[in-house]
Amino acid sequence: MRCSALPGDLIAAQCAWERTYRSLADPANQQQTTALRRRLLELSVRVRWHPY
């Protein structure tokens, strides 16, 4: 049985989510927390509700 590959847009969204989460945890980005939280929320919705 062959495993199906995940869609590229879902993988990209998950990678972006992880990068954003790491940026939010970085103390050097304290001036951008609101923008990073909004981006994280947007990506969370995209990953959670992806049709795959």
C-alpha atoms as a PDB file:
ATOM      1  CA  MET A   1       0.000   0.000   0.000  1.00  0.00           C
ATOM      2  CA  ARG A   2       1.348   3.412  -0.965  1.00  0.00           C
ATOM      3  CA  CYS A   3       1.198   6.329   1.477  1.00  0.00           C
ATOM      4  CA  SER A   4      -0.313   9.501   0.152  1.00  0.00           C
ATOM      5  CA  ALA A   5       1.806  12.628   0.318  1.00  0.00           C
ATOM      6  CA  LEU A   6       0.624  15.672   2.189  1.00  0.00           C
ATOM      7  CA  PRO A   7      -0.355  18.662   0.051  1.00  0.00           C
ATOM      8  CA  GLY A   8       2.389  21.238  -0.448  1.00  0.00           C
ATOM      9  CA  ASP A   9       0.294  24.135   0.833  1.00  0.00           C
ATOM     10  CA  LEU A  10      -0.409  22.286   4.074  1.00  0.00           C
ATOM     11  CA  ILE A  11       3.281  21.538   4.594  1.00  0.00           C
ATOM     12  CA  ALA A  12       4.168  25.174   3.853  1.00  0.00           C
ATOM     13  CA  ALA A  13       1.558  26.430   6.322  1.00  0.00           C
ATOM     14  CA  GLN A  14       2.814  24.093   9.046  1.00  0.00           C
ATOM     15  CA  CYS A  15       6.425  25.163   8.451  1.00  0.00           C
ATOM     16  CA  ALA A  16       5.402  28.821   8.580  1.00  0.00           C
ATOM     17  CA  TRP A  17       3.497  28.122  11.816  1.00  0.00           C
ATOM     18  CA  GLU A  18       6.607  26.598  13.389  1.00  0.00           C
ATOM     19  CA  ARG A  19       8.822  29.496  12.250  1.00  0.00           C
ATOM     20  CA  THR A  20       6.331  32.026  13.597  1.00  0.00           C
ATOM     21  CA  TYR A  21       6.062  30.177  16.913  1.00  0.00           C
ATOM     22  CA  ARG A  22       9.871  30.176  17.298  1.00  0.00           C
ATOM     23  CA  SER A  23       9.978  33.890  16.438  1.00  0.00           C
ATOM     24  CA  LEU A  24       7.348  34.601  19.059  1.00  0.00           C
ATOM     25  CA  ALA A  25       9.416  32.765  21.690  1.00  0.00           C
ATOM     26  CA  ASP A  26      12.567  34.736  20.791  1.00  0.00           C
ATOM     27  CA  PRO A  27      13.122  37.629  23.219  1.00  0.00           C
ATOM     28  CA  ALA A  28      14.676  39.673  20.388  1.00  0.00           C
ATOM     29  CA  ASN A  29      11.221  39.993  18.793  1.00  0.00           C
ATOM     30  CA  GLN A  30       9.475  41.695  21.715  1.00  0.00           C
ATOM     31  CA  GLN A  31       8.423  44.623  19.534  1.00  0.00           C
ATOM     32  CA  GLN A  32       6.544  42.327  17.131  1.00  0.00           C
ATOM     33  CA  THR A  33       4.502  40.159  19.474  1.00  0.00           C
ATOM     34  CA  THR A  34       1.099  41.414  18.297  1.00  0.00           C
ATOM     35  CA  ALA A  35       1.885  40.838  14.624  1.00  0.00           C
ATOM     36  CA  LEU A  36       3.398  37.433  15.358  1.00  0.00           C
ATOM     37  CA  ARG A  37       0.385  36.360  17.428  1.00  0.00           C
ATOM     38  CA  ARG A  38      -1.973  37.412  14.652  1.00  0.00           C
ATOM     39  CA  ARG A  39       0.115  35.511  12.107  1.00  0.00           C
ATOM     40  CA  LEU A  40       0.169  32.447  14.362  1.00  0.00           C
ATOM     41  CA  LEU A  41      -3.602  32.567  14.717  1.00  0.00           C
ATOM     42  CA  GLU A  42      -4.063  32.891  10.951  1.00  0.00           C
ATOM     43  CA  LEU A  43      -1.757  29.938  10.299  1.00  0.00           C
ATOM     44  CA  SER A  44      -3.423  27.863  13.027  1.00  0.00           C
ATOM     45  CA  VAL A  45      -6.784  28.298  11.324  1.00  0.00           C
ATOM     46  CA  ARG A  46      -5.300  27.479   7.921  1.00  0.00           C
ATOM     47  CA  VAL A  47      -3.663  24.268   9.199  1.00  0.00           C
ATOM     48  CA  ARG A  48      -6.634  23.173  11.316  1.00  0.00           C
ATOM     49  CA  TRP A  49      -9.272  23.665   8.625  1.00  0.00           C
ATOM     50  CA  HIS A  50      -7.266  22.449   5.645  1.00  0.00           C
ATOM     51  CA  PRO A  51      -9.453  20.079   3.619  1.00  0.00           C
ATOM     52  CA  TYR A  52      -6.816  17.320   3.670  1.00  0.00           C
END
